[in-house]
Amino acid sequence: MIRSCTDADIPAIEAIINDAAEAYREVIPADCWHEPYMPRDELLDEIAKGVEFCGWDENGVLVAVMGLQKVRDVTLIRHAYVRSSHQGRGIGGALLKHLAEQTTTPLLIGTWADAHWAIQFYHRHGFLLVGPEEKDRLLTTYWNIPLRQRETSVVLAMASATAIRRTD
């Protein structure tokens, strides 16, 4: 069952992100990886900056999370993770579909360039990679991430968003 997450879910959100992020350990540049991948204070900061999490609940246990963040004229999918023991069951796709239905603005997702399985997942769900120049513009405009992370990331846009308005 998909539901909105509350403050009571913060420990579970943190645990899910850190469990599922292990899959990225080998593709995230060593200078960008840290333990834990998402510390509690960073998660709370993301929530304070407007990331609203939904989760997949199985019998009262949260097993997946995905966040939406409205930034100016777009909506970002943020922190999309399924607990490793529950991957491959369609949970991530169901959450992504649900969140995509919650917005009318262009929908963007950033991920690590070497996370080929994540890029393929987003392709299967209607997202397309943007070109390198557009990626740099979008990451600079809509995300607040370090230069090194921008250099090693990609951006995907929902294919139905035919154009993303320039803000410069």
C-alpha atoms as a PDB file:
ATOM      1  CA  MET A   1       0.000   0.000   0.000  1.00  0.00           C
ATOM      2  CA  ILE A   2       1.305   3.465  -0.895  1.00  0.00           C
ATOM      3  CA  ARG A   3       1.028   6.088   1.801  1.00  0.00           C
ATOM      4  CA  SER A   4       2.470   9.437   2.786  1.00  0.00           C
ATOM      5  CA  CYS A   5       5.317   9.242   5.253  1.00  0.00           C
ATOM      6  CA  THR A   6       5.230  11.068   8.578  1.00  0.00           C
ATOM      7  CA  ASP A   7       7.831  12.122  11.123  1.00  0.00           C
ATOM      8  CA  ALA A   8       7.308   8.758  12.821  1.00  0.00           C
ATOM      9  CA  ASP A   9       8.704   7.112   9.663  1.00  0.00           C
ATOM     10  CA  ILE A  10      12.050   8.956   9.723  1.00  0.00           C
ATOM     11  CA  PRO A  11      14.004   6.039  11.268  1.00  0.00           C
ATOM     12  CA  ALA A  12      12.536   3.647   8.678  1.00  0.00           C
ATOM     13  CA  ILE A  13      13.210   6.079   5.799  1.00  0.00           C
ATOM     14  CA  GLU A  14      16.817   6.404   6.926  1.00  0.00           C
ATOM     15  CA  ALA A  15      17.208   2.618   7.220  1.00  0.00           C
ATOM     16  CA  ILE A  16      15.673   1.964   3.776  1.00  0.00           C
ATOM     17  CA  ILE A  17      17.864   4.561   2.057  1.00  0.00           C
ATOM     18  CA  ASN A  18      21.047   3.273   3.677  1.00  0.00           C
ATOM     19  CA  ASP A  19      20.188  -0.370   2.982  1.00  0.00           C
ATOM     20  CA  ALA A  20      19.300   0.194  -0.676  1.00  0.00           C
ATOM     21  CA  ALA A  21      22.196   2.612  -1.269  1.00  0.00           C
ATOM     22  CA  GLU A  22      24.626  -0.279  -0.804  1.00  0.00           C
ATOM     23  CA  ALA A  23      23.904  -1.194  -4.447  1.00  0.00           C
ATOM     24  CA  TYR A  24      25.473   2.133  -5.434  1.00  0.00           C
ATOM     25  CA  ARG A  25      28.656   1.700  -3.380  1.00  0.00           C
ATOM     26  CA  GLU A  26      30.710   0.487  -6.348  1.00  0.00           C
ATOM     27  CA  VAL A  27      29.431   3.107  -8.811  1.00  0.00           C
ATOM     28  CA  ILE A  28      29.546   6.217  -6.645  1.00  0.00           C
ATOM     29  CA  PRO A  29      33.011   7.756  -6.811  1.00  0.00           C
ATOM     30  CA  ALA A  30      34.914   7.056  -3.602  1.00  0.00           C
ATOM     31  CA  ASP A  31      35.249  10.768  -2.901  1.00  0.00           C
ATOM     32  CA  CYS A  32      31.432  11.068  -2.960  1.00  0.00           C
ATOM     33  CA  TRP A  33      30.577   8.011  -0.829  1.00  0.00           C
ATOM     34  CA  HIS A  34      30.239   8.381   2.931  1.00  0.00           C
ATOM     35  CA  GLU A  35      29.079   6.216   5.827  1.00  0.00           C
ATOM     36  CA  PRO A  36      26.243   6.128   6.391  1.00  0.00           C
ATOM     37  CA  TYR A  37      25.183   7.130   2.910  1.00  0.00           C
ATOM     38  CA  MET A  38      22.293   9.212   4.306  1.00  0.00           C
ATOM     39  CA  PRO A  39      22.910  10.318   7.889  1.00  0.00           C
ATOM     40  CA  ARG A  40      19.848  11.332   9.934  1.00  0.00           C
ATOM     41  CA  ASP A  41      20.745  15.042   9.955  1.00  0.00           C
ATOM     42  CA  GLU A  42      21.036  15.055   6.145  1.00  0.00           C
ATOM     43  CA  LEU A  43      17.654  13.329   5.817  1.00  0.00           C
ATOM     44  CA  LEU A  44      16.052  15.881   8.145  1.00  0.00           C
ATOM     45  CA  ASP A  45      17.652  18.682   6.125  1.00  0.00           C
ATOM     46  CA  GLU A  46      16.209  17.246   2.888  1.00  0.00           C
ATOM     47  CA  ILE A  47      12.749  17.112   4.472  1.00  0.00           C
ATOM     48  CA  ALA A  48      13.144  20.686   5.750  1.00  0.00           C
ATOM     49  CA  LYS A  49      14.000  21.739   2.177  1.00  0.00           C
ATOM     50  CA  GLY A  50      10.691  20.364   0.921  1.00  0.00           C
ATOM     51  CA  VAL A  51      11.244  16.702   0.058  1.00  0.00           C
ATOM     52  CA  GLU A  52       7.939  14.960   0.766  1.00  0.00           C
ATOM     53  CA  PHE A  53       8.227  11.188   1.063  1.00  0.00           C
ATOM     54  CA  CYS A  54       5.733   8.532   0.121  1.00  0.00           C
ATOM     55  CA  GLY A  55       6.345   4.944   0.992  1.00  0.00           C
ATOM     56  CA  TRP A  56       5.288   1.411   0.276  1.00  0.00           C
ATOM     57  CA  ASP A  57       3.866  -0.190   3.403  1.00  0.00           C
ATOM     58  CA  GLU A  58       3.560  -3.963   3.714  1.00  0.00           C
ATOM     59  CA  ASN A  59       1.613  -5.060   6.757  1.00  0.00           C
ATOM     60  CA  GLY A  60       2.624  -2.008   8.738  1.00  0.00           C
ATOM     61  CA  VAL A  61       6.283  -2.124   7.686  1.00  0.00           C
ATOM     62  CA  LEU A  62       7.712   0.538   5.391  1.00  0.00           C
ATOM     63  CA  VAL A  63       9.812  -1.205   2.704  1.00  0.00           C
ATOM     64  CA  ALA A  64      10.350   1.537   0.093  1.00  0.00           C
ATOM     65  CA  VAL A  65      10.440   5.317  -0.100  1.00  0.00           C
ATOM     66  CA  MET A  66      10.465   7.947  -2.799  1.00  0.00           C
ATOM     67  CA  GLY A  67      10.367  11.701  -2.407  1.00  0.00           C
ATOM     68  CA  LEU A  68       8.956  14.585  -4.417  1.00  0.00           C
ATOM     69  CA  GLN A  69      10.418  18.068  -4.243  1.00  0.00           C
ATOM     70  CA  LYS A  70       8.868  21.019  -6.054  1.00  0.00           C
ATOM     71  CA  VAL A  71      11.587  23.420  -7.185  1.00  0.00           C
ATOM     72  CA  ARG A  72      10.396  26.467  -9.073  1.00  0.00           C
ATOM     73  CA  ASP A  73       8.735  25.204 -12.285  1.00  0.00           C
ATOM     74  CA  VAL A  74       9.678  21.503 -12.042  1.00  0.00           C
ATOM     75  CA  THR A  75       9.251  18.592  -9.662  1.00  0.00           C
ATOM     76  CA  LEU A  76      12.184  16.391  -8.694  1.00  0.00           C
ATOM     77  CA  ILE A  77      12.009  12.732  -7.743  1.00  0.00           C
ATOM     78  CA  ARG A  78      14.383  12.487  -4.783  1.00  0.00           C
ATOM     79  CA  HIS A  79      15.757   9.534  -2.840  1.00  0.00           C
ATOM     80  CA  ALA A  80      14.018   6.626  -4.572  1.00  0.00           C
ATOM     81  CA  TYR A  81      14.928   3.461  -2.682  1.00  0.00           C
ATOM     82  CA  VAL A  82      13.463  -0.004  -2.125  1.00  0.00           C
ATOM     83  CA  ARG A  83      14.795  -2.150   0.705  1.00  0.00           C
ATOM     84  CA  SER A  84      17.152  -4.707  -0.862  1.00  0.00           C
ATOM     85  CA  SER A  85      15.020  -7.627   0.380  1.00  0.00           C
ATOM     86  CA  HIS A  86      12.010  -6.252  -1.546  1.00  0.00           C
ATOM     87  CA  GLN A  87      13.607  -5.233  -4.860  1.00  0.00           C
ATOM     88  CA  GLY A  88      12.399  -6.718  -8.138  1.00  0.00           C
ATOM     89  CA  ARG A  89       8.731  -6.855  -7.091  1.00  0.00           C
ATOM     90  CA  GLY A  90       7.441  -3.779  -8.924  1.00  0.00           C
ATOM     91  CA  ILE A  91       7.341  -1.631  -5.791  1.00  0.00           C
ATOM     92  CA  GLY A  92       9.646   1.076  -7.176  1.00  0.00           C
ATOM     93  CA  GLY A  93       7.649   1.300 -10.396  1.00  0.00           C
ATOM     94  CA  ALA A  94       4.362   1.576  -8.496  1.00  0.00           C
ATOM     95  CA  LEU A  95       5.756   4.361  -6.297  1.00  0.00           C
ATOM     96  CA  LEU A  96       7.181   6.190  -9.307  1.00  0.00           C
ATOM     97  CA  LYS A  97       3.845   5.996 -11.151  1.00  0.00           C
ATOM     98  CA  HIS A  98       1.997   7.236  -8.069  1.00  0.00           C
ATOM     99  CA  LEU A  99       4.327  10.199  -7.593  1.00  0.00           C
ATOM    100  CA  ALA A 100       4.259  11.093 -11.303  1.00  0.00           C
ATOM    101  CA  GLU A 101       0.478  11.352 -11.031  1.00  0.00           C
ATOM    102  CA  GLN A 102       0.851  13.879  -8.198  1.00  0.00           C
ATOM    103  CA  THR A 103       2.394  16.628 -10.317  1.00  0.00           C
ATOM    104  CA  THR A 104       1.582  18.624 -13.422  1.00  0.00           C
ATOM    105  CA  THR A 105       5.036  20.184 -13.773  1.00  0.00           C
ATOM    106  CA  PRO A 106       7.958  18.602 -15.651  1.00  0.00           C
ATOM    107  CA  LEU A 107       9.319  15.668 -13.665  1.00  0.00           C
ATOM    108  CA  LEU A 108      13.100  15.208 -13.353  1.00  0.00           C
ATOM    109  CA  ILE A 109      15.291  12.558 -11.765  1.00  0.00           C
ATOM    110  CA  GLY A 110      19.019  12.721 -11.105  1.00  0.00           C
ATOM    111  CA  THR A 111      21.123   9.637 -10.521  1.00  0.00           C
ATOM    112  CA  TRP A 112      24.722   8.493 -10.743  1.00  0.00           C
ATOM    113  CA  ALA A 113      25.943   8.115 -14.344  1.00  0.00           C
ATOM    114  CA  ASP A 114      27.426   4.665 -13.682  1.00  0.00           C
ATOM    115  CA  ALA A 115      24.223   3.308 -12.076  1.00  0.00           C
ATOM    116  CA  HIS A 116      23.128   1.718 -15.345  1.00  0.00           C
ATOM    117  CA  TRP A 117      20.412  -0.409 -13.713  1.00  0.00           C
ATOM    118  CA  ALA A 118      18.814   2.749 -12.241  1.00  0.00           C
ATOM    119  CA  ILE A 119      18.901   4.518 -15.611  1.00  0.00           C
ATOM    120  CA  GLN A 120      17.316   1.456 -17.257  1.00  0.00           C
ATOM    121  CA  PHE A 121      14.615   1.403 -14.565  1.00  0.00           C
ATOM    122  CA  TYR A 122      13.723   5.034 -15.285  1.00  0.00           C
ATOM    123  CA  HIS A 123      13.757   4.378 -19.053  1.00  0.00           C
ATOM    124  CA  ARG A 124      11.249   1.542 -18.553  1.00  0.00           C
ATOM    125  CA  HIS A 125       8.994   4.002 -16.751  1.00  0.00           C
ATOM    126  CA  GLY A 126       8.951   6.717 -19.393  1.00  0.00           C
ATOM    127  CA  PHE A 127      12.000   8.842 -18.576  1.00  0.00           C
ATOM    128  CA  LEU A 128      14.643   9.900 -21.079  1.00  0.00           C
ATOM    129  CA  LEU A 129      18.229  11.014 -20.527  1.00  0.00           C
ATOM    130  CA  VAL A 130      18.867  14.659 -21.266  1.00  0.00           C
ATOM    131  CA  GLY A 131      22.031  15.718 -23.105  1.00  0.00           C
ATOM    132  CA  PRO A 132      25.210  16.758 -21.268  1.00  0.00           C
ATOM    133  CA  GLU A 133      24.711  20.522 -21.618  1.00  0.00           C
ATOM    134  CA  GLU A 134      21.071  20.319 -20.516  1.00  0.00           C
ATOM    135  CA  LYS A 135      22.106  18.027 -17.651  1.00  0.00           C
ATOM    136  CA  ASP A 136      24.599  20.612 -16.389  1.00  0.00           C
ATOM    137  CA  ARG A 137      22.021  23.386 -16.674  1.00  0.00           C
ATOM    138  CA  LEU A 138      19.343  21.389 -14.877  1.00  0.00           C
ATOM    139  CA  LEU A 139      21.627  20.192 -12.081  1.00  0.00           C
ATOM    140  CA  THR A 140      22.857  23.736 -11.503  1.00  0.00           C
ATOM    141  CA  THR A 141      19.358  25.216 -11.644  1.00  0.00           C
ATOM    142  CA  TYR A 142      17.307  22.709  -9.659  1.00  0.00           C
ATOM    143  CA  TRP A 143      19.674  20.756  -7.418  1.00  0.00           C
ATOM    144  CA  ASN A 144      22.048  21.901  -4.714  1.00  0.00           C
ATOM    145  CA  ILE A 145      24.815  19.316  -5.033  1.00  0.00           C
ATOM    146  CA  PRO A 146      28.618  19.508  -5.098  1.00  0.00           C
ATOM    147  CA  LEU A 147      30.469  19.970  -8.395  1.00  0.00           C
ATOM    148  CA  ARG A 148      31.935  16.450  -8.214  1.00  0.00           C
ATOM    149  CA  GLN A 149      28.459  14.958  -7.924  1.00  0.00           C
ATOM    150  CA  ARG A 150      27.245  17.035 -10.884  1.00  0.00           C
ATOM    151  CA  GLU A 151      30.190  15.744 -12.932  1.00  0.00           C
ATOM    152  CA  THR A 152      29.287  12.109 -12.215  1.00  0.00           C
ATOM    153  CA  SER A 153      25.497  12.328 -12.492  1.00  0.00           C
ATOM    154  CA  VAL A 154      22.858  12.209 -15.191  1.00  0.00           C
ATOM    155  CA  VAL A 155      19.380  13.720 -15.376  1.00  0.00           C
ATOM    156  CA  LEU A 156      16.334  12.022 -16.801  1.00  0.00           C
ATOM    157  CA  ALA A 157      13.086  13.777 -17.694  1.00  0.00           C
ATOM    158  CA  MET A 158       9.625  12.303 -18.011  1.00  0.00           C
ATOM    159  CA  ALA A 159       9.173  11.780 -21.750  1.00  0.00           C
ATOM    160  CA  SER A 160       5.750  13.451 -21.662  1.00  0.00           C
ATOM    161  CA  ALA A 161       7.429  16.690 -20.551  1.00  0.00           C
ATOM    162  CA  THR A 162       8.321  17.751 -24.059  1.00  0.00           C
ATOM    163  CA  ALA A 163      10.082  20.932 -22.994  1.00  0.00           C
ATOM    164  CA  ILE A 164      11.503  22.240 -19.776  1.00  0.00           C
ATOM    165  CA  ARG A 165      11.201  25.990 -19.544  1.00  0.00           C
ATOM    166  CA  ARG A 166      14.495  27.792 -19.240  1.00  0.00           C
ATOM    167  CA  THR A 167      14.736  30.041 -16.199  1.00  0.00           C
ATOM    168  CA  ASP A 168      17.839  31.971 -17.259  1.00  0.00           C
END
